[in-house]
């Protein structure tokens, strides 16, 4: 299923949603932007939870069928949309198992999902006998997502699903969402204003601001741009694609091939040849003009300076190229001047920390 939308909706004189987008049939398409940019409104229109008015132009199809245009409107339940809200909407008088059984009994479309698969992907077995009031915020959202899937969702829409969850719980649930996205072959749309969540999960990205799409493309391409990262502060980060080259079991480290250079991480759970995504925060990258010696930092890459962020603050983002991919470094303006850094200059990036985006989950 590929979802196509051409929307021009006027809410009031100060806000017009004017977008044209395609949701890919596989992977996570993220809608990202500040509060009030139109992300949630767009998602609700795609789901059929909002219709607009007669004066609005709303044309939505799933590649074969018309969901909405001037002449027709398909109800949300007939679109096969599973919608996960920021506030989980579980039945408090039922157990976790009772909530999931209710979803199965109200299935509105057929699917070939095995219930035990869903339990495994989201680690629900330890929760089945619990009451809803006994669940943490992250556990409750895992149950809410499972209920949507078991209800027969052909596409999954998530509107700030981690927005009401504390930071530690958010970090624990992200690997489950990633596991889901790697196993489900359905369109998934994820709305968030958290750059960390977007870089962790997204395959395709639409950046919204004031009702318009300002950037779009693959996450790997967009996340290394200065434009997307300039307002993110310490959250600025890139995602790179690597391949497992070999394992060193003595030190429990794995060597990843990144554009003919080596990055060392703990990835023993993967096979040689596996393709992995790695997230590198800009604040954890420093720059030297000569290759460092006798350093405890294992990950040192020879790179070329591409460009600098225009910043009025004390620090600046530097975009660095390693063959076909890019990383970012956040350094002080004083360091920039003391080192005399210039575009096209060859330097060395020291990476203090990296994070696998497809992590193992200890059940």
Protein backbone atom coordinates (compact mmCIF):
# COMPACT_ATOMS: atom_id res chain seq x y z
CA UNK A 1 0.00 0.00 0.00
CA UNK A 2 1.37 3.40 -1.03
CA UNK A 3 -0.52 6.37 0.37
CA UNK A 4 -0.65 9.53 -1.75
CA UNK A 5 -2.02 12.84 -0.50
CA UNK A 6 -2.58 16.28 -2.04
CA UNK A 7 -4.00 18.58 0.63
CA UNK A 8 -4.84 22.26 0.85
CA UNK A 9 -6.72 22.95 4.08
CA UNK A 10 -7.46 26.33 5.66
CA UNK A 11 -8.00 26.31 9.41
CA UNK A 12 -8.02 30.06 9.95
CA UNK A 13 -6.38 33.05 8.29
CA UNK A 14 -3.15 32.28 10.15
CA UNK A 15 -2.78 28.59 9.27
CA UNK A 16 -2.96 26.82 5.92
CA UNK A 17 -1.86 23.20 5.47
CA UNK A 18 -0.57 22.88 1.90
CA UNK A 19 1.23 19.57 1.29
CA UNK A 20 1.77 16.91 -1.33
CA UNK A 21 3.37 13.69 -0.13
CA UNK A 22 3.74 9.96 -0.65
CA UNK A 23 3.96 7.46 2.21
CA UNK A 24 6.18 4.58 1.14
CA UNK A 25 4.71 1.04 1.33
CA UNK A 26 7.46 -0.14 3.70
CA UNK A 27 9.47 1.43 6.50
CA UNK A 28 8.72 4.40 8.72
CA UNK A 29 7.79 7.73 7.18
CA UNK A 30 8.33 10.47 9.76
CA UNK A 31 6.55 13.82 9.96
CA UNK A 32 8.88 16.12 11.87
CA UNK A 33 8.67 19.75 12.88
CA UNK A 34 7.91 22.17 15.70
CA UNK A 35 4.59 22.31 17.55
CA UNK A 36 1.93 23.94 15.38
CA UNK A 37 3.62 23.00 12.10
CA UNK A 38 0.70 20.79 10.98
CA UNK A 39 2.09 17.31 11.65
CA UNK A 40 -0.81 15.97 13.71
CA UNK A 41 -3.44 17.63 11.52
CA UNK A 42 -1.89 15.99 8.46
CA UNK A 43 -1.82 12.59 10.15
CA UNK A 44 -5.48 12.88 11.23
CA UNK A 45 -6.47 13.81 7.68
CA UNK A 46 -4.62 10.78 6.28
CA UNK A 47 -6.40 8.56 8.82
CA UNK A 48 -9.83 10.07 8.14
CA UNK A 49 -10.19 11.40 11.68
CA UNK A 50 -10.64 14.88 10.18
CA UNK A 51 -12.40 15.73 6.92
CA UNK A 52 -11.89 19.43 6.33
CA UNK A 53 -14.62 21.58 4.75
CA UNK A 54 -16.09 21.87 1.26
CA UNK A 55 -13.73 24.71 0.43
CA UNK A 56 -10.66 22.55 1.20
CA UNK A 57 -8.90 20.38 -1.39
CA UNK A 58 -8.21 16.96 0.10
CA UNK A 59 -7.30 14.10 -2.21
CA UNK A 60 -6.00 10.90 -0.62
CA UNK A 61 -5.55 7.45 -2.18
CA UNK A 62 -3.93 4.19 -1.11
CA UNK A 63 -2.52 3.56 -4.58
CA UNK A 64 -5.63 1.68 -5.74
CA UNK A 65 -8.61 3.15 -3.93
CA UNK A 66 -9.73 6.70 -3.29
CA UNK A 67 -9.92 7.45 0.44
CA UNK A 68 -11.10 11.02 0.06
CA UNK A 69 -11.82 13.56 -2.64
CA UNK A 70 -14.64 15.98 -3.46
CA UNK A 71 -17.04 13.13 -4.19
CA UNK A 72 -16.22 10.42 -1.65
CA UNK A 73 -14.98 9.78 1.87
CA UNK A 74 -13.89 6.41 3.25
CA UNK A 75 -14.34 6.03 7.02
CA UNK A 76 -11.19 5.42 9.12
CA UNK A 77 -12.10 1.82 9.99
CA UNK A 78 -12.54 1.01 6.29
CA UNK A 79 -9.08 2.37 5.45
CA UNK A 80 -7.40 -0.26 7.60
CA UNK A 81 -5.62 2.43 9.60
CA UNK A 82 -4.31 1.63 13.06
CA UNK A 83 -3.90 4.85 15.06
CA UNK A 84 -1.73 5.13 18.19
CA UNK A 85 -2.31 8.30 20.20
CA UNK A 86 0.01 10.07 22.60
CA UNK A 87 -2.27 9.11 25.47
CA UNK A 88 -2.88 5.36 25.38
CA UNK A 89 -6.57 4.51 25.16
CA UNK A 90 -6.78 1.11 26.81
CA UNK A 91 -9.76 -0.22 28.74
CA UNK A 92 -8.85 0.18 32.43
CA UNK A 93 -11.38 -2.47 33.55
CA UNK A 94 -9.73 -5.16 31.40
CA UNK A 95 -6.37 -6.85 31.84
CA UNK A 96 -3.71 -6.62 29.15
CA UNK A 97 -4.91 -9.97 27.78
CA UNK A 98 -8.50 -8.71 27.88
CA UNK A 99 -7.61 -5.62 25.88
CA UNK A 100 -5.87 -7.71 23.25
CA UNK A 101 -8.72 -10.22 23.08
CA UNK A 102 -11.14 -7.34 22.54
CA UNK A 103 -9.05 -6.16 19.58
CA UNK A 104 -9.12 -9.65 18.05
CA UNK A 105 -12.88 -9.89 18.49
CA UNK A 106 -13.40 -6.53 16.75
CA UNK A 107 -11.05 -7.18 13.84
CA UNK A 108 -12.28 -5.06 10.93
CA UNK A 109 -9.87 -6.36 8.29
CA UNK A 110 -8.19 -9.70 7.78
CA UNK A 111 -4.44 -10.00 8.29
CA UNK A 112 -1.87 -12.75 8.43
CA UNK A 113 -0.21 -11.62 11.66
CA UNK A 114 0.44 -14.38 14.14
CA UNK A 115 -0.59 -13.27 17.64
CA UNK A 116 2.50 -14.86 19.17
CA UNK A 117 4.68 -12.93 16.73
CA UNK A 118 3.18 -9.66 17.97
CA UNK A 119 3.70 -10.75 21.58
CA UNK A 120 7.33 -11.55 20.80
CA UNK A 121 8.07 -8.33 18.88
CA UNK A 122 6.80 -6.18 21.75
CA UNK A 123 7.70 -8.54 24.63
CA UNK A 124 4.14 -8.81 25.95
CA UNK A 125 4.17 -12.26 27.54
CA UNK A 126 5.26 -10.96 30.99
CA UNK A 127 2.45 -8.36 30.86
CA UNK A 128 -0.58 -10.40 29.79
CA UNK A 129 -2.02 -10.98 33.28
CA UNK A 130 -1.42 -7.43 34.53
CA UNK A 131 -4.06 -4.78 35.05
CA UNK A 132 -3.67 -1.59 33.02
CA UNK A 133 -3.04 0.47 36.16
CA UNK A 134 0.01 -1.70 36.90
CA UNK A 135 1.76 -0.80 33.63
CA UNK A 136 4.44 1.82 33.14
CA UNK A 137 3.94 4.39 30.39
CA UNK A 138 6.18 2.51 27.99
CA UNK A 139 4.51 -0.84 28.71
CA UNK A 140 1.06 0.69 28.18
CA UNK A 141 2.10 2.06 24.78
CA UNK A 142 3.45 -1.35 23.76
CA UNK A 143 0.05 -2.85 24.61
CA UNK A 144 -1.74 -0.05 22.73
CA UNK A 145 0.37 -0.68 19.61
CA UNK A 146 -0.26 -4.44 19.86
CA UNK A 147 -4.01 -3.88 20.16
CA UNK A 148 -4.00 -1.75 17.01
CA UNK A 149 -2.08 -4.40 15.07
CA UNK A 150 -4.32 -7.26 16.24
CA UNK A 151 -7.34 -5.21 15.23
CA UNK A 152 -6.26 -5.73 11.62
CA UNK A 153 -4.31 -2.58 10.78
CA UNK A 154 -2.98 -2.45 7.22
CA UNK A 155 -1.03 0.71 8.03
CA UNK A 156 0.14 2.11 11.35
CA UNK A 157 -0.08 5.80 12.27
CA UNK A 158 1.57 7.02 15.49
CA UNK A 159 1.00 10.55 16.77
CA UNK A 160 3.70 11.49 19.31
CA UNK A 161 3.38 8.01 20.89
CA UNK A 162 6.23 8.65 23.32
CA UNK A 163 5.34 12.26 24.10
CA UNK A 164 3.84 11.52 27.52
CA UNK A 165 6.51 9.01 28.58
CA UNK A 166 9.52 9.88 30.73
CA UNK A 167 12.96 9.84 29.10
CA UNK A 168 14.22 6.50 30.56
CA UNK A 169 11.01 4.73 29.48
CA UNK A 170 11.26 6.35 26.05
CA UNK A 171 14.76 4.95 25.59
CA UNK A 172 13.53 1.48 26.54
CA UNK A 173 10.60 1.43 24.10
CA UNK A 174 12.49 2.72 21.03
CA UNK A 175 14.18 -0.66 20.33
CA UNK A 176 10.75 -2.34 20.38
CA UNK A 177 9.43 0.14 17.81
CA UNK A 178 12.51 -0.49 15.70
CA UNK A 179 11.96 -4.25 15.93
CA UNK A 180 8.37 -3.74 14.83
CA UNK A 181 9.39 -1.62 11.88
CA UNK A 182 11.90 -4.24 10.71
CA UNK A 183 9.33 -7.06 10.85
CA UNK A 184 6.12 -5.42 9.59
CA UNK A 185 5.78 -4.95 5.86
CA UNK A 186 3.15 -2.19 6.09
CA UNK A 187 3.29 1.61 5.80
CA UNK A 188 4.07 3.32 9.10
CA UNK A 189 3.77 7.07 9.71
CA UNK A 190 5.40 8.49 12.84
CA UNK A 191 4.79 12.03 14.08
CA UNK A 192 7.28 13.58 16.50
CA UNK A 193 9.08 16.79 17.38
CA UNK A 194 11.88 14.74 18.99
CA UNK A 195 14.95 14.64 16.76
CA UNK A 196 16.34 11.68 18.72
CA UNK A 197 13.25 9.58 17.98
CA UNK A 198 13.26 10.54 14.31
CA UNK A 199 16.92 9.68 13.75
CA UNK A 200 16.44 6.41 15.63
CA UNK A 201 13.42 5.16 13.69
CA UNK A 202 12.78 6.95 10.41
CA UNK A 203 13.56 5.71 6.90
CA UNK A 204 11.83 8.56 5.06
CA UNK A 205 11.41 12.09 6.36
CA UNK A 206 9.12 15.05 5.75
CA UNK A 207 10.02 18.23 7.63
CA UNK A 208 7.05 20.56 8.19
CA UNK A 209 6.96 24.19 9.20
CA UNK A 210 3.92 26.46 9.25
CA UNK A 211 1.81 24.02 7.22
CA UNK A 212 4.34 23.40 4.44
CA UNK A 213 6.92 20.71 3.69
CA UNK A 214 10.32 22.38 3.83
CA UNK A 215 12.47 19.27 3.27
CA UNK A 216 11.86 15.68 2.25
CA UNK A 217 13.91 12.62 1.41
CA UNK A 218 15.62 9.63 2.97
CA UNK A 219 16.64 9.95 6.62
CA UNK A 220 20.22 8.99 5.77
CA UNK A 221 20.47 11.90 3.31
CA UNK A 222 18.70 14.59 5.31
CA UNK A 223 20.02 13.94 8.82
CA UNK A 224 23.56 15.01 7.94
CA UNK A 225 22.53 18.42 6.62
CA UNK A 226 23.34 21.55 8.60
CA UNK A 227 19.87 22.93 7.88
CA UNK A 228 18.09 20.09 9.71
CA UNK A 229 20.51 20.01 12.63
CA UNK A 230 21.26 23.69 13.21
CA UNK A 231 18.48 24.20 15.75
CA UNK A 232 18.91 20.89 17.57
CA UNK A 233 21.67 21.84 20.04
CA UNK A 234 23.13 18.77 21.75
CA UNK A 235 20.55 16.56 20.01
CA UNK A 236 22.19 17.14 16.60
CA UNK A 237 23.24 13.78 15.15
CA UNK A 238 23.68 11.81 11.96
CA UNK A 239 22.79 8.27 10.96
CA UNK A 240 25.29 6.35 8.86
CA UNK A 241 25.15 3.00 7.08
CA UNK A 242 27.82 0.43 7.93
CA UNK A 243 28.55 -3.25 7.29
CA UNK A 244 29.80 -5.75 9.86
CA UNK A 245 33.35 -6.65 8.79
CA UNK A 246 34.50 -8.94 11.61
CA UNK A 247 34.23 -9.67 15.34
CA UNK A 248 36.93 -9.55 17.98
CA UNK A 249 35.57 -11.89 20.65
CA UNK A 250 38.51 -11.27 22.98
CA UNK A 251 37.47 -7.64 23.45
CA UNK A 252 33.79 -8.17 22.64
CA UNK A 253 33.98 -5.59 19.88
CA UNK A 254 32.88 -5.69 16.27
CA UNK A 255 34.56 -3.88 13.41
CA UNK A 256 32.18 -2.12 11.06
CA UNK A 257 33.16 -1.02 7.58
CA UNK A 258 32.21 2.62 7.04
CA UNK A 259 33.27 3.87 3.63
CA UNK A 260 36.51 1.82 3.73
CA UNK A 261 37.28 2.94 7.30
CA UNK A 262 36.71 1.07 10.57
CA UNK A 263 34.28 1.84 13.37
CA UNK A 264 34.35 -0.33 16.49
CA UNK A 265 31.15 -1.09 18.40
CA UNK A 266 29.61 -3.89 20.44
CA UNK A 267 27.63 -5.75 17.75
CA UNK A 268 28.41 -9.42 18.36
CA UNK A 269 24.74 -10.31 17.92
CA UNK A 270 25.00 -9.59 14.17
CA UNK A 271 26.55 -11.63 11.39
CA UNK A 272 29.51 -10.62 9.25
CA UNK A 273 28.05 -8.89 6.19
CA UNK A 274 24.99 -7.52 7.99
CA UNK A 275 24.10 -3.93 7.17
CA UNK A 276 23.58 -1.71 10.23
CA UNK A 277 22.57 1.88 10.90
CA UNK A 278 24.66 3.76 13.44
CA UNK A 279 23.76 7.05 15.15
CA UNK A 280 26.58 9.49 15.94
CA UNK A 281 25.80 12.58 18.06
CA UNK A 282 27.64 15.69 16.83
CA UNK A 283 28.60 16.61 20.40
CA UNK A 284 30.60 13.38 20.64
CA UNK A 285 32.79 14.17 17.62
CA UNK A 286 35.97 16.24 17.92
CA UNK A 287 38.42 17.33 15.21
CA UNK A 288 42.22 17.19 15.00
CA UNK A 289 44.38 18.35 12.11
CA UNK A 290 46.82 15.44 12.50
CA UNK A 291 46.13 11.78 13.14
CA UNK A 292 46.12 11.33 16.95
CA UNK A 293 48.44 8.83 18.59
CA UNK A 294 48.29 7.14 22.00
CA UNK A 295 44.59 7.92 22.45
CA UNK A 296 41.90 5.86 24.15
CA UNK A 297 39.42 6.81 21.43
CA UNK A 298 39.18 3.87 19.02
CA UNK A 299 37.10 5.49 16.31
CA UNK A 300 39.21 7.97 14.36
CA UNK A 301 38.28 8.75 10.75
CA UNK A 302 40.10 10.67 8.07
CA UNK A 303 37.51 13.07 6.66
CA UNK A 304 37.19 16.24 4.61
CA UNK A 305 35.54 19.44 5.81
CA UNK A 306 32.52 20.33 3.67
CA UNK A 307 30.93 23.34 5.37
CA UNK A 308 30.27 25.20 8.61
CA UNK A 309 27.04 26.22 10.30
CA UNK A 310 26.33 29.94 10.51
CA UNK A 311 25.90 30.35 14.25
CA UNK A 312 25.64 33.27 16.65
CA UNK A 313 26.36 31.05 19.66
CA UNK A 314 29.68 29.86 21.14
CA UNK A 315 29.72 26.58 19.16
CA UNK A 316 29.41 25.63 15.52
CA UNK A 317 28.46 22.50 13.57
CA UNK A 318 30.99 21.23 11.05
CA UNK A 319 29.88 18.93 8.22
CA UNK A 320 32.48 16.30 7.36
CA UNK A 321 32.60 13.92 4.40
CA UNK A 322 33.89 10.37 4.40
CA UNK A 323 33.64 9.36 0.70
CA UNK A 324 29.84 9.13 0.05
CA UNK A 325 28.58 9.67 3.60
CA UNK A 326 28.72 12.50 6.12
CA UNK A 327 29.11 13.05 9.86
CA UNK A 328 28.79 16.19 11.97
CA UNK A 329 31.01 17.61 14.70
CA UNK A 330 30.03 20.27 17.22
CA UNK A 331 33.06 22.31 18.27
CA UNK A 332 33.58 25.73 19.82
CA UNK A 333 34.17 28.75 17.61
CA UNK A 334 37.44 29.25 19.46
CA UNK A 335 38.61 25.78 18.38
CA UNK A 336 37.51 26.53 14.83
CA UNK A 337 39.70 29.64 14.75
CA UNK A 338 42.68 28.17 16.65
CA UNK A 339 42.85 25.20 14.27
CA UNK A 340 42.34 27.43 11.22
CA UNK A 341 39.79 25.03 9.76
CA UNK A 342 38.72 25.60 6.15
CA UNK A 343 36.36 23.89 3.67
CA UNK A 344 37.97 21.02 1.70
CA UNK A 345 40.66 20.62 4.38
CA UNK A 346 41.52 17.02 5.35
CA UNK A 347 41.20 16.46 9.11
CA UNK A 348 40.58 13.61 11.56
CA UNK A 349 37.29 13.06 13.38
CA UNK A 350 37.50 11.46 16.81
CA UNK A 351 34.22 9.78 17.69
CA UNK A 352 33.70 9.30 21.43
CA UNK A 353 30.45 7.33 21.23
CA UNK A 354 28.33 5.56 18.65
CA UNK A 355 24.96 3.85 19.05
CA UNK A 356 23.59 1.00 17.01
CA UNK A 357 20.07 1.76 15.84
CA UNK A 358 19.12 -1.90 15.58
CA UNK A 359 19.89 -2.97 19.10
CA UNK A 360 19.30 -6.34 20.65
CA UNK A 361 16.57 -6.39 23.28
CA UNK A 362 17.13 -8.41 26.41
CA UNK A 363 13.78 -10.00 27.08
